[in-house]
Amino acid sequence: MRGERLDFLADNPLYTKRFAWFVGRRCRSSTIKDVAKELNLHWGTVKELDKAYMRVQLERAGRPGPKAIGIDEISIRKGVPYRIVVSDLIRGRPIWFGGKDRSEASMNQFYDWLGPNKARGIRLAVMDMWKPFRTATNAHAPQAAILFDKFHVMRHLNDALDKVRKAEYARLSGTDRRYIKGQKYVLLSHKENLCADGRKSLKILLAANKRLNTAYLLKESFGQL
């Protein structure tokens, strides 16, 4: 027995393409669970219709030619390696999701998918300080400027400031050490997030230790960029 192929039916023969399109558009602004409840459908059915809708959107969008990209990784669930997400920063949307982890080989998969011609059109790549991302980008898009995102740079500066705190605690003794003990949170937090007592403790700490004061001011001055 052979079923007839009807153009107005979706991939799931129980629904028309118009209905699949409607479900897909609803999923753009609502969760699959909410859409399933609203339309009295099984969660799995809504998910499959949404996937069909997204496949059509990807075909219509075609292969992108981004000028500025953002590279990051995402954890799918606990115990599963990271996947890489690449976004078009000018259009404000993700354009690629894949790889087996966040290795250079996985990053290369994006550039292989994009193709050498469009890779040459990339002018800016924003990423964290993960070396495999930088190495792959330099190899496939050497003309692109690489910009490290501020969050990760500030994290390294906080680590450096904490090393100064530990070194000073080990170097000093007596009253001078007392000013540093138990002040890690106060020192590493954003000043605006501290309560009145916290700001007071920070002021006393920085006045009592010149090295910590210098390191703190350097970190804060970079944060103003």
Protein backbone atom coordinates (compact mmCIF):
# COMPACT_ATOMS: atom_id res chain seq x y z
CA MET A 1 0.00 0.00 0.00
CA ARG A 2 1.33 3.44 -0.93
CA GLY A 3 0.21 6.73 0.56
CA GLU A 4 -0.32 9.73 -1.68
CA ARG A 5 1.94 12.74 -1.14
CA LEU A 6 -0.20 15.82 -0.51
CA ASP A 7 1.63 19.16 -0.68
CA PHE A 8 -0.59 20.89 1.88
CA LEU A 9 0.26 18.35 4.58
CA ALA A 10 3.16 18.92 6.97
CA ASP A 11 5.86 16.30 7.57
CA ASN A 12 3.46 14.89 10.14
CA PRO A 13 0.50 13.76 7.95
CA LEU A 14 -1.99 14.44 10.75
CA TYR A 15 -1.58 18.20 10.36
CA THR A 16 -1.62 20.71 7.53
CA LYS A 17 1.34 22.98 6.80
CA ARG A 18 -0.76 25.97 7.78
CA PHE A 19 -1.32 24.48 11.23
CA ALA A 20 2.35 23.53 11.58
CA TRP A 21 3.24 27.10 10.64
CA PHE A 22 0.83 28.44 13.27
CA VAL A 23 2.33 26.21 15.98
CA GLY A 24 5.87 27.23 15.00
CA ARG A 25 5.05 30.93 15.21
CA ARG A 26 3.42 30.45 18.61
CA CYS A 27 6.58 28.73 19.84
CA ARG A 28 8.59 31.84 18.98
CA SER A 29 7.00 33.68 21.89
CA SER A 30 5.87 30.84 24.19
CA THR A 31 7.31 27.63 25.58
CA ILE A 32 6.49 24.28 24.02
CA LYS A 33 4.70 23.31 27.23
CA ASP A 34 2.45 26.39 27.11
CA VAL A 35 1.63 25.94 23.41
CA ALA A 36 0.78 22.27 23.97
CA LYS A 37 -1.58 23.23 26.80
CA GLU A 38 -3.17 26.02 24.75
CA LEU A 39 -3.84 23.81 21.71
CA ASN A 40 -4.53 20.62 23.66
CA LEU A 41 -1.66 18.78 21.95
CA HIS A 42 1.00 16.40 23.20
CA TRP A 43 4.29 18.07 24.14
CA GLY A 44 6.21 15.85 21.70
CA THR A 45 3.88 16.78 18.84
CA VAL A 46 4.40 20.50 19.41
CA LYS A 47 8.15 19.99 19.56
CA GLU A 48 8.20 18.15 16.21
CA LEU A 49 6.01 20.78 14.54
CA ASP A 50 8.26 23.52 15.93
CA LYS A 51 11.36 21.74 14.58
CA ALA A 52 9.72 21.49 11.15
CA TYR A 53 8.94 25.22 11.28
CA MET A 54 12.54 26.06 12.22
CA ARG A 55 13.92 23.91 9.38
CA VAL A 56 11.91 25.98 6.92
CA GLN A 57 13.18 29.22 8.50
CA LEU A 58 16.77 28.04 8.17
CA GLU A 59 16.28 27.14 4.50
CA ARG A 60 14.79 30.57 3.81
CA ALA A 61 17.55 32.40 5.65
CA GLY A 62 20.25 30.68 3.60
CA ARG A 63 23.93 30.55 4.48
CA PRO A 64 24.80 33.74 6.43
CA GLY A 65 27.66 36.08 5.61
CA PRO A 66 28.41 37.69 9.00
CA LYS A 67 30.73 40.66 9.42
CA ALA A 68 30.92 40.45 13.23
CA ILE A 69 30.54 37.18 15.13
CA GLY A 70 30.29 36.23 18.80
CA ILE A 71 31.66 32.85 19.88
CA ASP A 72 30.64 31.16 23.12
CA GLU A 73 29.97 27.72 24.53
CA ILE A 74 26.88 26.31 26.18
CA SER A 75 26.42 23.34 28.48
CA ILE A 76 23.49 21.20 27.34
CA ARG A 77 23.15 19.35 30.63
CA LYS A 78 25.31 18.10 33.47
CA GLY A 79 27.92 15.57 32.40
CA VAL A 80 27.63 16.40 28.68
CA PRO A 81 30.50 18.23 26.90
CA TYR A 82 30.01 21.80 25.81
CA ARG A 83 28.65 22.80 22.42
CA ILE A 84 29.73 25.93 20.54
CA VAL A 85 27.32 28.73 19.65
CA VAL A 86 28.23 31.34 17.03
CA SER A 87 26.08 34.45 16.63
CA ASP A 88 25.83 37.21 14.04
CA LEU A 89 26.31 40.26 16.27
CA ILE A 90 25.03 42.75 13.72
CA ARG A 91 21.78 40.90 13.02
CA GLY A 92 21.54 39.83 16.66
CA ARG A 93 20.85 36.13 16.20
CA PRO A 94 22.61 32.75 16.47
CA ILE A 95 23.74 31.27 13.16
CA TRP A 96 25.51 28.03 14.15
CA PHE A 97 25.35 25.49 16.95
CA GLY A 98 27.53 22.40 16.92
CA GLY A 99 30.77 20.61 17.61
CA LYS A 100 31.39 17.83 20.11
CA ASP A 101 33.08 20.05 22.68
CA ARG A 102 34.85 23.42 22.73
CA SER A 103 38.04 22.21 21.08
CA GLU A 104 39.79 23.72 18.07
CA ALA A 105 38.53 20.83 15.93
CA SER A 106 34.94 21.65 16.88
CA MET A 107 35.50 25.35 16.18
CA ASN A 108 36.90 24.43 12.78
CA GLN A 109 33.58 22.79 11.96
CA PHE A 110 31.90 26.20 12.01
CA TYR A 111 34.37 27.68 9.54
CA ASP A 112 34.12 24.61 7.31
CA TRP A 113 30.33 25.05 7.30
CA LEU A 114 30.59 28.80 6.62
CA GLY A 115 33.07 28.34 3.77
CA PRO A 116 36.30 30.23 3.01
CA ASN A 117 34.67 33.01 0.98
CA LYS A 118 32.30 34.08 3.74
CA ALA A 119 34.95 33.53 6.41
CA ARG A 120 37.03 36.16 4.63
CA GLY A 121 34.17 38.61 5.15
CA ILE A 122 34.39 38.46 8.96
CA ARG A 123 35.86 41.67 10.35
CA LEU A 124 35.38 41.13 14.09
CA ALA A 125 35.23 38.05 16.34
CA VAL A 126 34.19 38.51 19.97
CA MET A 127 35.05 35.63 22.32
CA ASP A 128 36.33 34.73 25.73
CA MET A 129 40.03 34.03 26.27
CA TRP A 130 39.75 30.34 25.30
CA LYS A 131 42.77 29.61 23.07
CA PRO A 132 41.15 27.03 20.70
CA PHE A 133 38.58 29.64 19.60
CA ARG A 134 41.32 32.16 18.91
CA THR A 135 43.56 29.66 17.08
CA ALA A 136 40.77 28.48 14.77
CA THR A 137 39.71 32.05 14.01
CA ASN A 138 43.26 33.14 13.21
CA ALA A 139 43.60 30.17 10.84
CA HIS A 140 40.31 30.61 8.95
CA ALA A 141 39.68 34.37 9.26
CA PRO A 142 43.12 35.96 9.81
CA GLN A 143 41.81 39.37 8.74
CA ALA A 144 39.31 39.46 11.63
CA ALA A 145 40.10 41.52 14.72
CA ILE A 146 39.69 39.50 17.92
CA LEU A 147 38.02 41.16 20.90
CA PHE A 148 37.95 39.47 24.31
CA ASP A 149 34.69 40.09 26.15
CA LYS A 150 34.97 42.25 29.22
CA PHE A 151 33.42 39.73 31.62
CA HIS A 152 36.26 37.23 31.20
CA VAL A 153 38.97 39.89 31.33
CA MET A 154 37.50 41.20 34.60
CA ARG A 155 37.44 37.68 35.99
CA HIS A 156 41.19 37.37 35.38
CA LEU A 157 41.76 40.76 37.01
CA ASN A 158 39.77 39.63 40.05
CA ASP A 159 41.94 36.49 40.24
CA ALA A 160 45.06 38.67 40.12
CA LEU A 161 43.69 40.93 42.86
CA ASP A 162 42.96 37.91 45.04
CA LYS A 163 46.56 36.71 44.58
CA VAL A 164 47.76 40.07 45.90
CA ARG A 165 45.41 39.69 48.87
CA LYS A 166 46.79 36.23 49.68
CA ALA A 167 50.39 37.38 49.26
CA GLU A 168 49.83 40.33 51.59
CA TYR A 169 48.16 38.14 54.19
CA ALA A 170 51.16 35.78 54.11
CA ARG A 171 53.67 38.67 54.24
CA LEU A 172 52.16 40.62 57.11
CA SER A 173 51.54 39.82 60.76
CA GLY A 174 49.82 41.27 63.77
CA THR A 175 47.55 44.28 63.33
CA ASP A 176 48.37 44.71 59.62
CA ARG A 177 47.21 41.17 58.88
CA ARG A 178 44.00 41.72 60.86
CA TYR A 179 42.79 44.28 58.33
CA ILE A 180 42.95 41.68 55.52
CA LYS A 181 41.48 38.64 57.29
CA GLY A 182 37.93 37.82 56.19
CA GLN A 183 37.77 40.65 53.63
CA LYS A 184 37.85 38.63 50.39
CA TYR A 185 34.19 39.27 49.55
CA VAL A 186 34.48 42.99 50.29
CA LEU A 187 37.59 43.33 48.13
CA LEU A 188 36.35 41.39 45.08
CA SER A 189 32.75 42.62 44.97
CA HIS A 190 31.54 45.56 42.91
CA LYS A 191 31.53 48.58 45.20
CA GLU A 192 27.91 49.41 44.32
CA ASN A 193 26.85 45.94 45.51
CA LEU A 194 28.27 46.45 49.00
CA CYS A 195 26.17 47.56 51.93
CA ALA A 196 27.20 50.53 54.07
CA ASP A 197 29.24 48.34 56.42
CA GLY A 198 30.93 46.67 53.46
CA ARG A 199 31.95 50.01 51.94
CA LYS A 200 33.31 51.11 55.30
CA SER A 201 35.37 47.90 55.63
CA LEU A 202 36.71 48.33 52.09
CA LYS A 203 37.77 51.92 52.80
CA ILE A 204 39.62 50.86 55.95
CA LEU A 205 41.30 47.94 54.16
CA LEU A 206 42.55 50.03 51.23
CA ALA A 207 43.78 52.79 53.54
CA ALA A 208 45.72 50.24 55.62
CA ASN A 209 47.45 48.40 52.75
CA LYS A 210 49.11 50.32 49.92
CA ARG A 211 49.72 47.28 47.68
CA LEU A 212 46.10 46.18 47.83
CA ASN A 213 44.99 49.75 47.23
CA THR A 214 47.12 49.97 44.06
CA ALA A 215 45.90 46.59 42.75
CA TYR A 216 42.28 47.51 43.48
CA LEU A 217 42.54 50.86 41.69
CA LEU A 218 44.10 49.20 38.63
CA LYS A 219 41.25 46.69 38.42
CA GLU A 220 38.61 49.38 38.89
CA SER A 221 40.19 51.68 36.29
CA PHE A 222 40.06 48.90 33.70
CA GLY A 223 36.42 48.32 34.55
CA GLN A 224 35.67 51.90 33.44
CA LEU A 225 36.66 51.12 29.82
